[in-house]
């Protein structure tokens, strides 16, 4: 990473939140991109 680059520890969470806002009918109650505790995320159809 360059000296002018900032990487957050939560960058994946931020990307998932952006995706949920775009594709979920209700981002507060996700049905497509769900969190799998201890593993990460899963995309369900």
PDB file of N, CA and C in Angstrom:
ATOM      1  N   UNK A   1       0.839  -1.184   0.000  1.00  0.00           N
ATOM      2  CA  UNK A   1       0.000   0.000   0.000  1.00  0.00           C
ATOM      3  C   UNK A   1       0.876   1.236   0.000  1.00  0.00           C
ATOM      4  N   UNK A   2       0.417   2.245  -0.695  1.00  0.00           N
ATOM      5  CA  UNK A   2       1.167   3.482  -0.765  1.00  0.00           C
ATOM      6  C   UNK A   2       1.035   4.291   0.515  1.00  0.00           C
ATOM      7  N   UNK A   3       1.836   5.320   0.619  1.00  0.00           N
ATOM      8  CA  UNK A   3       1.817   6.137   1.831  1.00  0.00           C
ATOM      9  C   UNK A   3       0.547   6.979   1.949  1.00  0.00           C
ATOM     10  N   UNK A   4      -0.178   7.183   0.846  1.00  0.00           N
ATOM     11  CA  UNK A   4      -1.411   7.963   0.878  1.00  0.00           C
ATOM     12  C   UNK A   4      -2.645   7.080   0.943  1.00  0.00           C
ATOM     13  N   UNK A   5      -2.475   5.790   1.243  1.00  0.00           N
ATOM     14  CA  UNK A   5      -3.579   4.840   1.268  1.00  0.00           C
ATOM     15  C   UNK A   5      -4.011   4.584   2.701  1.00  0.00           C
ATOM     16  N   UNK A   6      -5.343   4.548   2.906  1.00  0.00           N
ATOM     17  CA  UNK A   6      -5.887   4.234   4.218  1.00  0.00           C
ATOM     18  C   UNK A   6      -6.736   2.987   4.090  1.00  0.00           C
ATOM     19  N   UNK A   7      -6.453   1.966   4.878  1.00  0.00           N
ATOM     20  CA  UNK A   7      -7.230   0.729   4.862  1.00  0.00           C
ATOM     21  C   UNK A   7      -7.844   0.515   6.241  1.00  0.00           C
ATOM     22  N   UNK A   8      -9.144   0.410   6.254  1.00  0.00           N
ATOM     23  CA  UNK A   8      -9.857   0.190   7.507  1.00  0.00           C
ATOM     24  C   UNK A   8      -9.920  -1.303   7.810  1.00  0.00           C
ATOM     25  N   UNK A   9      -9.976  -1.644   9.084  1.00  0.00           N
ATOM     26  CA  UNK A   9     -10.152  -3.035   9.477  1.00  0.00           C
ATOM     27  C   UNK A   9     -11.527  -3.543   9.064  1.00  0.00           C
ATOM     28  N   UNK A  10     -12.462  -2.641   8.841  1.00  0.00           N
ATOM     29  CA  UNK A  10     -13.836  -3.006   8.542  1.00  0.00           C
ATOM     30  C   UNK A  10     -14.186  -2.833   7.063  1.00  0.00           C
ATOM     31  N   UNK A  11     -13.200  -2.848   6.192  1.00  0.00           N
ATOM     32  CA  UNK A  11     -13.445  -2.553   4.779  1.00  0.00           C
ATOM     33  C   UNK A  11     -14.372  -3.588   4.133  1.00  0.00           C
ATOM     34  N   UNK A  12     -14.242  -4.864   4.484  1.00  0.00           N
ATOM     35  CA  UNK A  12     -15.135  -5.883   3.921  1.00  0.00           C
ATOM     36  C   UNK A  12     -16.568  -5.628   4.382  1.00  0.00           C
ATOM     37  N   UNK A  13     -16.727  -5.300   5.661  1.00  0.00           N
ATOM     38  CA  UNK A  13     -18.068  -4.999   6.183  1.00  0.00           C
ATOM     39  C   UNK A  13     -18.689  -3.808   5.458  1.00  0.00           C
ATOM     40  N   UNK A  14     -17.888  -2.818   5.148  1.00  0.00           N
ATOM     41  CA  UNK A  14     -18.393  -1.650   4.421  1.00  0.00           C
ATOM     42  C   UNK A  14     -18.828  -2.030   3.009  1.00  0.00           C
ATOM     43  N   UNK A  15     -18.073  -2.876   2.349  1.00  0.00           N
ATOM     44  CA  UNK A  15     -18.439  -3.316   0.998  1.00  0.00           C
ATOM     45  C   UNK A  15     -19.727  -4.146   1.034  1.00  0.00           C
ATOM     46  N   UNK A  16     -19.856  -5.014   2.017  1.00  0.00           N
ATOM     47  CA  UNK A  16     -21.068  -5.824   2.156  1.00  0.00           C
ATOM     48  C   UNK A  16     -22.274  -4.924   2.406  1.00  0.00           C
ATOM     49  N   UNK A  17     -22.123  -3.920   3.254  1.00  0.00           N
ATOM     50  CA  UNK A  17     -23.222  -2.985   3.523  1.00  0.00           C
ATOM     51  C   UNK A  17     -23.634  -2.254   2.244  1.00  0.00           C
ATOM     52  N   UNK A  18     -22.666  -1.848   1.433  1.00  0.00           N
ATOM     53  CA  UNK A  18     -22.980  -1.181   0.164  1.00  0.00           C
ATOM     54  C   UNK A  18     -23.725  -2.127  -0.777  1.00  0.00           C
ATOM     55  N   UNK A  19     -23.276  -3.374  -0.864  1.00  0.00           N
ATOM     56  CA  UNK A  19     -23.957  -4.348  -1.710  1.00  0.00           C
ATOM     57  C   UNK A  19     -25.382  -4.597  -1.230  1.00  0.00           C
ATOM     58  N   UNK A  20     -25.555  -4.720   0.088  1.00  0.00           N
ATOM     59  CA  UNK A  20     -26.900  -4.938   0.634  1.00  0.00           C
ATOM     60  C   UNK A  20     -27.832  -3.774   0.297  1.00  0.00           C
ATOM     61  N   UNK A  21     -27.325  -2.555   0.381  1.00  0.00           N
ATOM     62  CA  UNK A  21     -28.158  -1.390   0.039  1.00  0.00           C
ATOM     63  C   UNK A  21     -28.603  -1.437  -1.419  1.00  0.00           C
ATOM     64  N   UNK A  22     -27.767  -2.029  -2.269  1.00  0.00           N
ATOM     65  CA  UNK A  22     -28.080  -2.075  -3.698  1.00  0.00           C
ATOM     66  C   UNK A  22     -29.005  -3.220  -4.078  1.00  0.00           C
ATOM     67  N   UNK A  23     -28.876  -4.395  -3.439  1.00  0.00           N
ATOM     68  CA  UNK A  23     -29.622  -5.556  -3.922  1.00  0.00           C
ATOM     69  C   UNK A  23     -30.703  -6.082  -2.983  1.00  0.00           C
ATOM     70  N   UNK A  24     -30.632  -5.767  -1.704  1.00  0.00           N
ATOM     71  CA  UNK A  24     -31.606  -6.307  -0.756  1.00  0.00           C
ATOM     72  C   UNK A  24     -32.899  -5.497  -0.786  1.00  0.00           C
ATOM     73  N   UNK A  25     -34.055  -6.176  -0.730  1.00  0.00           N
ATOM     74  CA  UNK A  25     -35.320  -5.441  -0.612  1.00  0.00           C
ATOM     75  C   UNK A  25     -35.355  -4.612   0.680  1.00  0.00           C
ATOM     76  N   UNK A  26     -34.859  -5.185   1.783  1.00  0.00           N
ATOM     77  CA  UNK A  26     -34.766  -4.490   3.067  1.00  0.00           C
ATOM     78  C   UNK A  26     -33.375  -4.777   3.639  1.00  0.00           C
ATOM     79  N   UNK A  27     -32.431  -3.841   3.460  1.00  0.00           N
ATOM     80  CA  UNK A  27     -31.058  -4.091   3.918  1.00  0.00           C
ATOM     81  C   UNK A  27     -30.937  -4.388   5.421  1.00  0.00           C
ATOM     82  N   UNK A  28     -31.898  -3.942   6.223  1.00  0.00           N
ATOM     83  CA  UNK A  28     -31.852  -4.211   7.664  1.00  0.00           C
ATOM     84  C   UNK A  28     -32.180  -5.678   7.965  1.00  0.00           C
ATOM     85  N   UNK A  29     -32.893  -6.348   7.060  1.00  0.00           N
ATOM     86  CA  UNK A  29     -33.241  -7.767   7.191  1.00  0.00           C
ATOM     87  C   UNK A  29     -32.748  -8.501   5.944  1.00  0.00           C
ATOM     88  N   UNK A  30     -31.436  -8.711   5.799  1.00  0.00           N
ATOM     89  CA  UNK A  30     -30.880  -9.285   4.573  1.00  0.00           C
ATOM     90  C   UNK A  30     -31.364 -10.705   4.311  1.00  0.00           C
ATOM     91  N   UNK A  31     -31.664 -10.970   3.042  1.00  0.00           N
ATOM     92  CA  UNK A  31     -32.067 -12.312   2.630  1.00  0.00           C
ATOM     93  C   UNK A  31     -31.092 -12.904   1.615  1.00  0.00           C
ATOM     94  N   UNK A  32     -30.352 -12.080   0.893  1.00  0.00           N
ATOM     95  CA  UNK A  32     -29.430 -12.561  -0.137  1.00  0.00           C
ATOM     96  C   UNK A  32     -28.001 -12.691   0.387  1.00  0.00           C
ATOM     97  N   UNK A  33     -27.510 -11.663   1.034  1.00  0.00           N
ATOM     98  CA  UNK A  33     -26.148 -11.700   1.582  1.00  0.00           C
ATOM     99  C   UNK A  33     -26.286 -11.820   3.096  1.00  0.00           C
ATOM    100  N   UNK A  34     -26.000 -13.018   3.601  1.00  0.00           N
ATOM    101  CA  UNK A  34     -26.188 -13.276   5.027  1.00  0.00           C
ATOM    102  C   UNK A  34     -24.842 -13.553   5.691  1.00  0.00           C
ATOM    103  N   UNK A  35     -24.761 -13.204   6.954  1.00  0.00           N
ATOM    104  CA  UNK A  35     -23.563 -13.411   7.743  1.00  0.00           C
ATOM    105  C   UNK A  35     -23.584 -14.829   8.310  1.00  0.00           C
ATOM    106  N   UNK A  36     -22.483 -15.541   8.150  1.00  0.00           N
ATOM    107  CA  UNK A  36     -22.310 -16.864   8.736  1.00  0.00           C
ATOM    108  C   UNK A  36     -21.289 -16.699   9.857  1.00  0.00           C
ATOM    109  N   UNK A  37     -21.771 -16.763  11.073  1.00  0.00           N
ATOM    110  CA  UNK A  37     -20.924 -16.472  12.229  1.00  0.00           C
ATOM    111  C   UNK A  37     -19.679 -17.364  12.248  1.00  0.00           C
ATOM    112  N   UNK A  38     -18.551 -16.728  12.399  1.00  0.00           N
ATOM    113  CA  UNK A  38     -17.284 -17.428  12.472  1.00  0.00           C
ATOM    114  C   UNK A  38     -16.663 -17.761  11.133  1.00  0.00           C
ATOM    115  N   UNK A  39     -17.427 -17.561  10.023  1.00  0.00           N
ATOM    116  CA  UNK A  39     -16.905 -17.891   8.707  1.00  0.00           C
ATOM    117  C   UNK A  39     -16.842 -16.686   7.784  1.00  0.00           C
ATOM    118  N   UNK A  40     -17.878 -15.879   7.754  1.00  0.00           N
ATOM    119  CA  UNK A  40     -17.903 -14.745   6.837  1.00  0.00           C
ATOM    120  C   UNK A  40     -19.303 -14.496   6.324  1.00  0.00           C
ATOM    121  N   UNK A  41     -19.444 -14.452   5.000  1.00  0.00           N
ATOM    122  CA  UNK A  41     -20.724 -14.145   4.380  1.00  0.00           C
ATOM    123  C   UNK A  41     -21.085 -15.220   3.372  1.00  0.00           C
ATOM    124  N   UNK A  42     -22.398 -15.350   3.124  1.00  0.00           N
ATOM    125  CA  UNK A  42     -22.904 -16.310   2.154  1.00  0.00           C
ATOM    126  C   UNK A  42     -23.941 -15.606   1.286  1.00  0.00           C
ATOM    127  N   UNK A  43     -23.919 -15.898  -0.009  1.00  0.00           N
ATOM    128  CA  UNK A  43     -24.905 -15.346  -0.937  1.00  0.00           C
ATOM    129  C   UNK A  43     -25.947 -16.411  -1.200  1.00  0.00           C
ATOM    130  N   UNK A  44     -27.203 -16.148  -0.798  1.00  0.00           N
ATOM    131  CA  UNK A  44     -28.305 -17.083  -0.991  1.00  0.00           C
ATOM    132  C   UNK A  44     -29.222 -16.574  -2.082  1.00  0.00           C
ATOM    133  N   UNK A  45     -29.718 -17.493  -2.877  1.00  0.00           N
ATOM    134  CA  UNK A  45     -30.724 -17.139  -3.893  1.00  0.00           C
ATOM    135  C   UNK A  45     -32.078 -17.610  -3.464  1.00  0.00           C
TER     136      UNK A  45
END
